[in-house]
Amino acid sequence: MAFACSSKFPVFLFVVCYVLIATSFAIRSPSVKPSTTLIQNICSKTQNPTFCNHILNSDPRSVHADLKGLVQILIDKTYSRGNRALTVIASLYKNANNNETKDQLYSCAMSYKSAMNNLNKVNAALKSGNREIYSDLISVIDGAESCDDVYDGPPVIPPKLEKANKNFEDIAYIIFTISKLL
């Protein structure tokens, strides 16, 4: 009978160890995402920390991203916003009824195409490990601002384009601020 008890002891010991290890992992695992502190830290340095936190926390890739990964997420979001702006411009151009408006929209389209080309340079530099991306980022921002400048006088910038422009600029400014930390 003593032998039967001792043969169960290793199983009992294994179960106890398993339970202790499993509970220690559950107790130690943080209830916040690993990158939450990093996101809060870098977003606090931007012009609009709330927007920065929202945009980064809305992407599931941010959970385990480092600083470079967060910048990549922002670049991807900027691409999306730039393509949205180009779609808005194309739609407005198609429906424009005078040459002045078409000229303004054409200028905006060219500014955005230039901005997107510069965003490609930023993305390539980041992926190659080159962290000197400031001048290209400034050119990205300048592209959207050039579109704004087309509408300095009457007629005013169409609301859809103004919103698309702002969305693009806001994320580009976040990238610019954060890239200084790379």
N, C-alpha and C. Protein backbone atom coordinates (compact mmCIF):
# COMPACT_ATOMS: atom_id res chain seq x y z
N MET A 1 0.82 -1.18 0.00
CA MET A 1 0.00 0.00 0.00
C MET A 1 0.87 1.26 0.00
N ALA A 2 1.98 1.22 0.70
CA ALA A 2 2.89 2.36 0.73
C ALA A 2 3.41 2.66 -0.66
N PHE A 3 3.60 1.61 -1.45
CA PHE A 3 4.08 1.79 -2.81
C PHE A 3 3.03 2.54 -3.66
N ALA A 4 1.74 2.21 -3.49
CA ALA A 4 0.67 2.84 -4.25
C ALA A 4 0.60 4.33 -3.93
N CYS A 5 0.80 4.68 -2.67
CA CYS A 5 0.77 6.09 -2.27
C CYS A 5 1.94 6.84 -2.88
N SER A 6 3.09 6.25 -2.86
CA SER A 6 4.27 6.94 -3.37
C SER A 6 4.21 7.08 -4.90
N SER A 7 3.51 6.19 -5.61
CA SER A 7 3.41 6.32 -7.06
C SER A 7 2.45 7.46 -7.45
N LYS A 8 1.55 7.82 -6.56
CA LYS A 8 0.64 8.93 -6.83
C LYS A 8 1.28 10.27 -6.46
N PHE A 9 2.27 10.23 -5.64
CA PHE A 9 2.90 11.47 -5.18
C PHE A 9 3.48 12.30 -6.34
N PRO A 10 4.22 11.70 -7.30
CA PRO A 10 4.72 12.50 -8.41
C PRO A 10 3.60 13.15 -9.23
N VAL A 11 2.50 12.43 -9.42
CA VAL A 11 1.37 13.00 -10.15
C VAL A 11 0.80 14.18 -9.37
N PHE A 12 0.62 13.99 -8.07
CA PHE A 12 0.11 15.05 -7.20
C PHE A 12 1.05 16.26 -7.24
N LEU A 13 2.34 16.00 -7.16
CA LEU A 13 3.33 17.08 -7.19
C LEU A 13 3.29 17.81 -8.54
N PHE A 14 3.13 17.08 -9.61
CA PHE A 14 3.03 17.69 -10.94
C PHE A 14 1.80 18.60 -11.02
N VAL A 15 0.66 18.13 -10.53
CA VAL A 15 -0.57 18.91 -10.58
C VAL A 15 -0.42 20.17 -9.74
N VAL A 16 0.15 20.07 -8.57
CA VAL A 16 0.35 21.24 -7.70
C VAL A 16 1.28 22.25 -8.37
N CYS A 17 2.37 21.78 -8.94
CA CYS A 17 3.30 22.68 -9.63
C CYS A 17 2.62 23.35 -10.82
N TYR A 18 1.86 22.60 -11.58
CA TYR A 18 1.16 23.16 -12.74
C TYR A 18 0.21 24.26 -12.31
N VAL A 19 -0.57 23.99 -11.26
CA VAL A 19 -1.53 24.98 -10.77
C VAL A 19 -0.79 26.23 -10.27
N LEU A 20 0.29 26.05 -9.55
CA LEU A 20 1.05 27.19 -9.05
C LEU A 20 1.65 28.02 -10.19
N ILE A 21 2.18 27.37 -11.17
CA ILE A 21 2.78 28.09 -12.30
C ILE A 21 1.69 28.81 -13.10
N ALA A 22 0.59 28.13 -13.36
CA ALA A 22 -0.51 28.75 -14.14
C ALA A 22 -1.07 29.96 -13.41
N THR A 23 -1.24 29.85 -12.08
CA THR A 23 -1.77 31.00 -11.34
C THR A 23 -0.76 32.12 -11.26
N SER A 24 0.50 31.82 -11.19
CA SER A 24 1.49 32.91 -11.11
C SER A 24 1.53 33.68 -12.43
N PHE A 25 1.34 32.99 -13.57
CA PHE A 25 1.29 33.70 -14.85
C PHE A 25 0.04 34.57 -14.93
N ALA A 26 -1.08 34.04 -14.45
CA ALA A 26 -2.33 34.81 -14.49
C ALA A 26 -2.22 36.05 -13.60
N ILE A 27 -1.58 35.92 -12.46
CA ILE A 27 -1.44 37.05 -11.55
C ILE A 27 -0.47 38.08 -12.12
N ARG A 28 0.60 37.62 -12.73
CA ARG A 28 1.64 38.52 -13.24
C ARG A 28 1.28 39.18 -14.56
N SER A 29 0.38 38.57 -15.35
CA SER A 29 0.11 39.14 -16.66
C SER A 29 -0.58 40.48 -16.49
N PRO A 30 -0.05 41.49 -17.14
CA PRO A 30 -0.62 42.82 -16.98
C PRO A 30 -1.99 42.92 -17.64
N SER A 31 -2.84 43.77 -17.07
CA SER A 31 -4.16 43.94 -17.65
C SER A 31 -4.13 44.98 -18.76
N VAL A 32 -2.99 45.64 -18.95
CA VAL A 32 -2.87 46.61 -20.03
C VAL A 32 -2.01 46.03 -21.13
N LYS A 33 -2.19 46.54 -22.32
CA LYS A 33 -1.40 46.09 -23.46
C LYS A 33 0.07 46.44 -23.23
N PRO A 34 0.99 45.60 -23.72
CA PRO A 34 2.41 45.89 -23.55
C PRO A 34 2.82 47.26 -24.09
N SER A 35 2.22 47.72 -25.17
CA SER A 35 2.62 48.98 -25.78
C SER A 35 1.84 50.18 -25.26
N THR A 36 0.88 49.95 -24.36
CA THR A 36 0.05 51.06 -23.88
C THR A 36 0.91 52.16 -23.28
N THR A 37 1.86 51.80 -22.45
CA THR A 37 2.72 52.80 -21.85
C THR A 37 3.54 53.53 -22.90
N LEU A 38 4.08 52.80 -23.86
CA LEU A 38 4.85 53.41 -24.95
C LEU A 38 3.96 54.36 -25.75
N ILE A 39 2.76 53.92 -26.08
CA ILE A 39 1.84 54.76 -26.85
C ILE A 39 1.51 56.02 -26.07
N GLN A 40 1.18 55.87 -24.80
CA GLN A 40 0.86 57.06 -23.99
C GLN A 40 2.06 58.00 -23.91
N ASN A 41 3.23 57.44 -23.76
CA ASN A 41 4.44 58.25 -23.65
C ASN A 41 4.71 59.04 -24.93
N ILE A 42 4.67 58.37 -26.06
CA ILE A 42 4.98 59.09 -27.30
C ILE A 42 3.84 60.03 -27.71
N CYS A 43 2.60 59.61 -27.47
CA CYS A 43 1.47 60.47 -27.84
C CYS A 43 1.42 61.73 -26.99
N SER A 44 1.94 61.66 -25.78
CA SER A 44 1.95 62.86 -24.93
C SER A 44 2.84 63.95 -25.50
N LYS A 45 3.71 63.59 -26.42
CA LYS A 45 4.63 64.55 -27.03
C LYS A 45 4.05 65.18 -28.31
N THR A 46 2.88 64.75 -28.72
CA THR A 46 2.27 65.25 -29.96
C THR A 46 1.32 66.41 -29.68
N GLN A 47 0.91 67.08 -30.76
CA GLN A 47 -0.02 68.21 -30.64
C GLN A 47 -1.40 67.77 -30.16
N ASN A 48 -1.79 66.56 -30.51
CA ASN A 48 -3.12 66.06 -30.16
C ASN A 48 -2.99 64.65 -29.57
N PRO A 49 -2.62 64.55 -28.27
CA PRO A 49 -2.39 63.23 -27.66
C PRO A 49 -3.61 62.31 -27.72
N THR A 50 -4.80 62.86 -27.58
CA THR A 50 -6.01 62.04 -27.61
C THR A 50 -6.17 61.37 -28.97
N PHE A 51 -6.01 62.13 -30.03
CA PHE A 51 -6.11 61.58 -31.39
C PHE A 51 -5.02 60.55 -31.62
N CYS A 52 -3.81 60.86 -31.21
CA CYS A 52 -2.68 59.94 -31.37
C CYS A 52 -2.97 58.61 -30.66
N ASN A 53 -3.42 58.68 -29.41
CA ASN A 53 -3.76 57.46 -28.67
C ASN A 53 -4.86 56.69 -29.38
N HIS A 54 -5.86 57.39 -29.85
CA HIS A 54 -6.98 56.73 -30.52
C HIS A 54 -6.50 56.01 -31.79
N ILE A 55 -5.73 56.71 -32.60
CA ILE A 55 -5.33 56.14 -33.88
C ILE A 55 -4.42 54.92 -33.68
N LEU A 56 -3.52 54.99 -32.72
CA LEU A 56 -2.62 53.85 -32.48
C LEU A 56 -3.33 52.70 -31.77
N ASN A 57 -4.15 53.00 -30.79
CA ASN A 57 -4.84 51.94 -30.07
C ASN A 57 -5.94 51.28 -30.89
N SER A 58 -6.35 51.91 -31.99
CA SER A 58 -7.38 51.31 -32.85
C SER A 58 -6.80 50.25 -33.78
N ASP A 59 -5.49 50.14 -33.82
CA ASP A 59 -4.84 49.16 -34.70
C ASP A 59 -4.32 47.99 -33.86
N PRO A 60 -4.76 46.77 -34.16
CA PRO A 60 -4.34 45.62 -33.35
C PRO A 60 -2.83 45.35 -33.40
N ARG A 61 -2.14 45.85 -34.41
CA ARG A 61 -0.69 45.65 -34.49
C ARG A 61 0.06 46.41 -33.40
N SER A 62 -0.58 47.41 -32.83
CA SER A 62 0.11 48.24 -31.84
C SER A 62 0.35 47.51 -30.53
N VAL A 63 -0.37 46.40 -30.32
CA VAL A 63 -0.26 45.68 -29.05
C VAL A 63 1.18 45.31 -28.72
N HIS A 64 1.91 44.85 -29.70
CA HIS A 64 3.28 44.40 -29.45
C HIS A 64 4.31 45.21 -30.22
N ALA A 65 3.92 46.37 -30.69
CA ALA A 65 4.82 47.17 -31.53
C ALA A 65 5.82 47.97 -30.68
N ASP A 66 7.02 48.08 -31.22
CA ASP A 66 8.00 48.99 -30.63
C ASP A 66 7.82 50.35 -31.32
N LEU A 67 8.71 51.28 -31.03
CA LEU A 67 8.58 52.63 -31.59
C LEU A 67 8.57 52.60 -33.12
N LYS A 68 9.48 51.86 -33.71
CA LYS A 68 9.53 51.77 -35.17
C LYS A 68 8.24 51.15 -35.71
N GLY A 69 7.72 50.17 -35.03
CA GLY A 69 6.46 49.53 -35.44
C GLY A 69 5.29 50.49 -35.36
N LEU A 70 5.27 51.34 -34.34
CA LEU A 70 4.20 52.33 -34.22
C LEU A 70 4.29 53.35 -35.35
N VAL A 71 5.50 53.74 -35.71
CA VAL A 71 5.67 54.67 -36.83
C VAL A 71 5.19 54.00 -38.12
N GLN A 72 5.46 52.71 -38.28
CA GLN A 72 4.99 51.99 -39.47
C GLN A 72 3.47 51.97 -39.52
N ILE A 73 2.84 51.75 -38.40
CA ILE A 73 1.38 51.78 -38.34
C ILE A 73 0.86 53.15 -38.78
N LEU A 74 1.49 54.20 -38.29
CA LEU A 74 1.08 55.55 -38.65
C LEU A 74 1.30 55.83 -40.14
N ILE A 75 2.39 55.32 -40.68
CA ILE A 75 2.63 55.48 -42.12
C ILE A 75 1.52 54.79 -42.91
N ASP A 76 1.15 53.59 -42.50
CA ASP A 76 0.07 52.88 -43.17
C ASP A 76 -1.24 53.67 -43.10
N LYS A 77 -1.51 54.25 -41.94
CA LYS A 77 -2.73 55.05 -41.78
C LYS A 77 -2.66 56.31 -42.64
N THR A 78 -1.47 56.88 -42.79
CA THR A 78 -1.32 58.07 -43.62
C THR A 78 -1.54 57.72 -45.08
N TYR A 79 -1.04 56.56 -45.53
CA TYR A 79 -1.31 56.10 -46.90
C TYR A 79 -2.82 56.04 -47.13
N SER A 80 -3.50 55.44 -46.19
CA SER A 80 -4.95 55.29 -46.31
C SER A 80 -5.63 56.65 -46.40
N ARG A 81 -5.20 57.58 -45.57
CA ARG A 81 -5.80 58.93 -45.58
C ARG A 81 -5.44 59.68 -46.87
N GLY A 82 -4.24 59.49 -47.36
CA GLY A 82 -3.84 60.13 -48.60
C GLY A 82 -4.63 59.61 -49.79
N ASN A 83 -4.83 58.30 -49.82
CA ASN A 83 -5.65 57.72 -50.89
C ASN A 83 -7.09 58.20 -50.80
N ARG A 84 -7.57 58.36 -49.58
CA ARG A 84 -8.93 58.90 -49.38
C ARG A 84 -9.00 60.32 -49.93
N ALA A 85 -8.00 61.15 -49.63
CA ALA A 85 -7.98 62.53 -50.13
C ALA A 85 -7.96 62.53 -51.66
N LEU A 86 -7.16 61.67 -52.27
CA LEU A 86 -7.11 61.60 -53.73
C LEU A 86 -8.45 61.17 -54.32
N THR A 87 -9.15 60.29 -53.64
CA THR A 87 -10.48 59.87 -54.09
C THR A 87 -11.47 61.04 -54.01
N VAL A 88 -11.40 61.79 -52.93
CA VAL A 88 -12.26 62.97 -52.77
C VAL A 88 -11.96 63.98 -53.88
N ILE A 89 -10.68 64.22 -54.12
CA ILE A 89 -10.28 65.18 -55.17
C ILE A 89 -10.81 64.73 -56.53
N ALA A 90 -10.65 63.46 -56.84
CA ALA A 90 -11.12 62.93 -58.14
C ALA A 90 -12.63 63.09 -58.28
N SER A 91 -13.36 62.82 -57.21
CA SER A 91 -14.81 62.96 -57.23
C SER A 91 -15.22 64.42 -57.43
N LEU A 92 -14.57 65.33 -56.70
CA LEU A 92 -14.87 66.75 -56.85
C LEU A 92 -14.52 67.24 -58.25
N TYR A 93 -13.41 66.77 -58.78
CA TYR A 93 -12.97 67.16 -60.13
C TYR A 93 -14.01 66.73 -61.17
N LYS A 94 -14.47 65.51 -61.02
CA LYS A 94 -15.44 64.96 -61.96
C LYS A 94 -16.72 65.80 -61.97
N ASN A 95 -17.08 66.32 -60.80
CA ASN A 95 -18.33 67.08 -60.69
C ASN A 95 -18.13 68.60 -60.80
N ALA A 96 -16.89 69.03 -61.01
CA ALA A 96 -16.62 70.47 -61.11
C ALA A 96 -17.23 71.03 -62.37
N ASN A 97 -17.74 72.27 -62.25
CA ASN A 97 -18.41 72.84 -63.42
C ASN A 97 -17.70 74.07 -63.99
N ASN A 98 -16.49 74.35 -63.50
CA ASN A 98 -15.74 75.46 -64.11
C ASN A 98 -14.24 75.17 -64.08
N ASN A 99 -13.52 75.84 -64.93
CA ASN A 99 -12.09 75.58 -65.08
C ASN A 99 -11.29 75.98 -63.86
N GLU A 100 -11.69 77.05 -63.17
CA GLU A 100 -10.95 77.49 -61.97
C GLU A 100 -10.98 76.39 -60.91
N THR A 101 -12.15 75.84 -60.68
CA THR A 101 -12.28 74.76 -59.69
C THR A 101 -11.47 73.54 -60.13
N LYS A 102 -11.53 73.21 -61.40
CA LYS A 102 -10.77 72.06 -61.91
C LYS A 102 -9.26 72.31 -61.75
N ASP A 103 -8.82 73.53 -62.01
CA ASP A 103 -7.40 73.87 -61.83
C ASP A 103 -6.97 73.72 -60.38
N GLN A 104 -7.81 74.18 -59.47
CA GLN A 104 -7.50 74.07 -58.04
C GLN A 104 -7.42 72.60 -57.63
N LEU A 105 -8.37 71.82 -58.07
CA LEU A 105 -8.38 70.41 -57.72
C LEU A 105 -7.21 69.66 -58.36
N TYR A 106 -6.86 70.06 -59.57
CA TYR A 106 -5.70 69.46 -60.23
C TYR A 106 -4.43 69.76 -59.42
N SER A 107 -4.30 70.99 -58.95
CA SER A 107 -3.15 71.36 -58.12
C SER A 107 -3.11 70.53 -56.84
N CYS A 108 -4.28 70.35 -56.24
CA CYS A 108 -4.35 69.52 -55.03
C CYS A 108 -3.93 68.08 -55.32
N ALA A 109 -4.41 67.56 -56.43
CA ALA A 109 -4.06 66.18 -56.79
C ALA A 109 -2.55 66.04 -56.97
N MET A 110 -1.94 67.00 -57.63
CA MET A 110 -0.49 66.95 -57.84
C MET A 110 0.25 67.07 -56.50
N SER A 111 -0.25 67.90 -55.61
CA SER A 111 0.36 68.04 -54.28
C SER A 111 0.28 66.73 -53.50
N TYR A 112 -0.87 66.08 -53.60
CA TYR A 112 -1.04 64.81 -52.89
C TYR A 112 -0.20 63.69 -53.51
N LYS A 113 -0.09 63.69 -54.81
CA LYS A 113 0.75 62.67 -55.45
C LYS A 113 2.21 62.85 -55.02
N SER A 114 2.64 64.09 -54.93
CA SER A 114 3.99 64.37 -54.44
C SER A 114 4.13 63.94 -52.98
N ALA A 115 3.12 64.25 -52.18
CA ALA A 115 3.15 63.85 -50.77
C ALA A 115 3.22 62.33 -50.63
N MET A 116 2.46 61.63 -51.45
CA MET A 116 2.46 60.17 -51.38
C MET A 116 3.81 59.60 -51.84
N ASN A 117 4.42 60.21 -52.83
CA ASN A 117 5.76 59.78 -53.26
C ASN A 117 6.76 59.97 -52.13
N ASN A 118 6.66 61.09 -51.44
CA ASN A 118 7.56 61.33 -50.31
C ASN A 118 7.26 60.38 -49.15
N LEU A 119 6.00 60.02 -48.98
CA LEU A 119 5.65 59.03 -47.96
C LEU A 119 6.26 57.67 -48.32
N ASN A 120 6.31 57.35 -49.61
CA ASN A 120 6.99 56.12 -50.05
C ASN A 120 8.46 56.15 -49.66
N LYS A 121 9.10 57.32 -49.81
CA LYS A 121 10.51 57.46 -49.42
C LYS A 121 10.68 57.27 -47.92
N VAL A 122 9.78 57.84 -47.15
CA VAL A 122 9.83 57.69 -45.68
C VAL A 122 9.70 56.21 -45.32
N ASN A 123 8.74 55.55 -45.93
CA ASN A 123 8.50 54.14 -45.65
C ASN A 123 9.72 53.29 -46.01
N ALA A 124 10.30 53.53 -47.18
CA ALA A 124 11.48 52.78 -47.61
C ALA A 124 12.66 53.04 -46.67
N ALA A 125 12.84 54.29 -46.27
CA ALA A 125 13.95 54.62 -45.37
C ALA A 125 13.76 53.93 -44.02
N LEU A 126 12.55 53.95 -43.51
CA LEU A 126 12.28 53.31 -42.22
C LEU A 126 12.53 51.81 -42.30
N LYS A 127 12.08 51.19 -43.37
CA LYS A 127 12.27 49.75 -43.53
C LYS A 127 13.73 49.37 -43.71
N SER A 128 14.52 50.26 -44.28
CA SER A 128 15.94 49.96 -44.48
C SER A 128 16.78 50.29 -43.25
N GLY A 129 16.14 50.86 -42.25
CA GLY A 129 16.87 51.20 -41.03
C GLY A 129 17.39 52.62 -41.01
N ASN A 130 17.17 53.36 -42.08
CA ASN A 130 17.59 54.76 -42.12
C ASN A 130 16.56 55.59 -41.36
N ARG A 131 17.01 56.23 -40.32
CA ARG A 131 16.08 56.99 -39.47
C ARG A 131 16.09 58.48 -39.79
N GLU A 132 16.81 58.86 -40.83
CA GLU A 132 16.85 60.26 -41.26
C GLU A 132 15.71 60.49 -42.26
N ILE A 133 14.54 60.70 -41.72
CA ILE A 133 13.35 60.81 -42.57
C ILE A 133 12.68 62.18 -42.46
N TYR A 134 13.28 63.09 -41.72
CA TYR A 134 12.64 64.39 -41.45
C TYR A 134 12.33 65.18 -42.71
N SER A 135 13.29 65.31 -43.62
CA SER A 135 13.05 66.16 -44.79
C SER A 135 11.93 65.58 -45.66
N ASP A 136 11.88 64.26 -45.78
CA ASP A 136 10.80 63.65 -46.55
C ASP A 136 9.46 63.81 -45.82
N LEU A 137 9.48 63.74 -44.51
CA LEU A 137 8.24 63.95 -43.75
C LEU A 137 7.74 65.38 -43.90
N ILE A 138 8.65 66.32 -43.90
CA ILE A 138 8.26 67.71 -44.11
C ILE A 138 7.61 67.86 -45.49
N SER A 139 8.16 67.16 -46.48
CA SER A 139 7.58 67.20 -47.83
C SER A 139 6.20 66.55 -47.88
N VAL A 140 5.99 65.53 -47.07
CA VAL A 140 4.67 64.89 -46.98
C VAL A 140 3.65 65.91 -46.45
N ILE A 141 4.02 66.57 -45.37
CA ILE A 141 3.14 67.56 -44.75
C ILE A 141 2.91 68.73 -45.70
N ASP A 142 3.99 69.17 -46.36
CA ASP A 142 3.88 70.28 -47.30
C ASP A 142 2.90 69.98 -48.44
N GLY A 143 2.84 68.72 -48.85
CA GLY A 143 1.91 68.34 -49.91
C GLY A 143 0.47 68.64 -49.55
N ALA A 144 0.08 68.25 -48.35
CA ALA A 144 -1.29 68.52 -47.90
C ALA A 144 -1.50 70.01 -47.67
N GLU A 145 -0.50 70.67 -47.12
CA GLU A 145 -0.63 72.11 -46.88
C GLU A 145 -0.70 72.88 -48.19
N SER A 146 -0.03 72.40 -49.22
CA SER A 146 -0.10 73.04 -50.53
C SER A 146 -1.51 72.98 -51.09
N CYS A 147 -2.19 71.88 -50.82
CA CYS A 147 -3.59 71.77 -51.25
C CYS A 147 -4.43 72.80 -50.50
N ASP A 148 -4.20 72.96 -49.22
CA ASP A 148 -4.90 74.00 -48.44
C ASP A 148 -4.65 75.38 -49.04
N ASP A 149 -3.40 75.62 -49.40
CA ASP A 149 -3.00 76.95 -49.90
C ASP A 149 -3.69 77.32 -51.21
N VAL A 150 -4.05 76.32 -52.00
CA VAL A 150 -4.75 76.58 -53.26
C VAL A 150 -6.06 77.32 -53.00
N TYR A 151 -6.62 77.09 -51.82
CA TYR A 151 -7.91 77.67 -51.47
C TYR A 151 -7.79 78.85 -50.51
N ASP A 152 -6.73 79.64 -50.63
CA ASP A 152 -6.57 80.81 -49.76
C ASP A 152 -7.67 81.84 -49.98
N GLY A 153 -8.14 81.95 -51.18
CA GLY A 153 -9.20 82.92 -51.47
C GLY A 153 -10.42 82.19 -51.97
N PRO A 154 -11.43 82.96 -52.39
CA PRO A 154 -12.62 82.29 -52.92
C PRO A 154 -12.27 81.51 -54.17
N PRO A 155 -12.87 80.43 -54.45
CA PRO A 155 -13.83 79.75 -53.58
C PRO A 155 -13.13 79.04 -52.43
N VAL A 156 -13.89 78.77 -51.39
CA VAL A 156 -13.32 78.11 -50.22
C VAL A 156 -13.15 76.62 -50.51
N ILE A 157 -12.28 76.00 -49.72
CA ILE A 157 -12.02 74.57 -49.90
C ILE A 157 -13.31 73.78 -49.63
N PRO A 158 -13.64 72.84 -50.49
CA PRO A 158 -14.84 72.03 -50.26
C PRO A 158 -14.72 71.26 -48.93
N PRO A 159 -15.78 71.21 -48.15
CA PRO A 159 -15.73 70.57 -46.82
C PRO A 159 -15.17 69.15 -46.82
N LYS A 160 -15.54 68.33 -47.82
CA LYS A 160 -15.03 66.95 -47.88
C LYS A 160 -13.51 66.95 -48.05
N LEU A 161 -13.01 67.85 -48.86
CA LEU A 161 -11.57 67.93 -49.09
C LEU A 161 -10.87 68.49 -47.86
N GLU A 162 -11.48 69.46 -47.24
CA GLU A 162 -10.90 70.02 -46.02
C GLU A 162 -10.76 68.95 -44.94
N LYS A 163 -11.79 68.13 -44.79
CA LYS A 163 -11.74 67.04 -43.80
C LYS A 163 -10.67 66.01 -44.17
N ALA A 164 -10.62 65.63 -45.43
CA ALA A 164 -9.62 64.65 -45.88
C ALA A 164 -8.21 65.19 -45.68
N ASN A 165 -8.03 66.47 -45.97
CA ASN A 165 -6.74 67.13 -45.79
C ASN A 165 -6.33 67.10 -44.31
N LYS A 166 -7.26 67.46 -43.45
CA LYS A 166 -6.97 67.51 -42.01
C LYS A 166 -6.61 66.12 -41.49
N ASN A 167 -7.35 65.12 -41.89
CA ASN A 167 -7.05 63.75 -41.45
C ASN A 167 -5.65 63.32 -41.87
N PHE A 168 -5.27 63.66 -43.08
CA PHE A 168 -3.94 63.32 -43.59
C PHE A 168 -2.87 64.08 -42.81
N GLU A 169 -3.05 65.39 -42.68
CA GLU A 169 -2.06 66.23 -41.98
C GLU A 169 -1.89 65.82 -40.53
N ASP A 170 -2.99 65.53 -39.84
CA ASP A 170 -2.92 65.18 -38.42
C ASP A 170 -2.02 63.97 -38.18
N ILE A 171 -2.18 62.94 -39.00
CA ILE A 171 -1.35 61.74 -38.81
C ILE A 171 0.09 62.01 -39.25
N ALA A 172 0.27 62.76 -40.32
CA ALA A 172 1.63 63.09 -40.77
C ALA A 172 2.38 63.88 -39.69
N TYR A 173 1.70 64.78 -39.02
CA TYR A 173 2.33 65.53 -37.93
C TYR A 173 2.71 64.62 -36.76
N ILE A 174 1.89 63.63 -36.48
CA ILE A 174 2.22 62.67 -35.42
C ILE A 174 3.48 61.91 -35.80
N ILE A 175 3.56 61.45 -37.05
CA ILE A 175 4.76 60.74 -37.50
C ILE A 175 5.97 61.65 -37.35
N PHE A 176 5.84 62.89 -37.76
CA PHE A 176 6.96 63.83 -37.68
C PHE A 176 7.43 63.97 -36.23
N THR A 177 6.51 64.14 -35.32
CA THR A 177 6.87 64.29 -33.90
C THR A 177 7.54 63.03 -33.36
N ILE A 178 6.95 61.90 -33.66
CA ILE A 178 7.47 60.63 -33.12
C ILE A 178 8.79 60.25 -33.77
N SER A 179 8.97 60.59 -35.02
CA SER A 179 10.20 60.20 -35.71
C SER A 179 11.44 60.84 -35.06
N LYS A 180 11.25 61.90 -34.35
CA LYS A 180 12.37 62.52 -33.64
C LYS A 180 12.88 61.63 -32.51
N LEU A 181 12.04 60.69 -32.10
CA LEU A 181 12.42 59.77 -31.01
C LEU A 181 13.12 58.52 -31.50
N LEU A 182 13.10 58.30 -32.82
CA LEU A 182 13.73 57.10 -33.38
C LEU A 182 15.23 57.09 -33.16
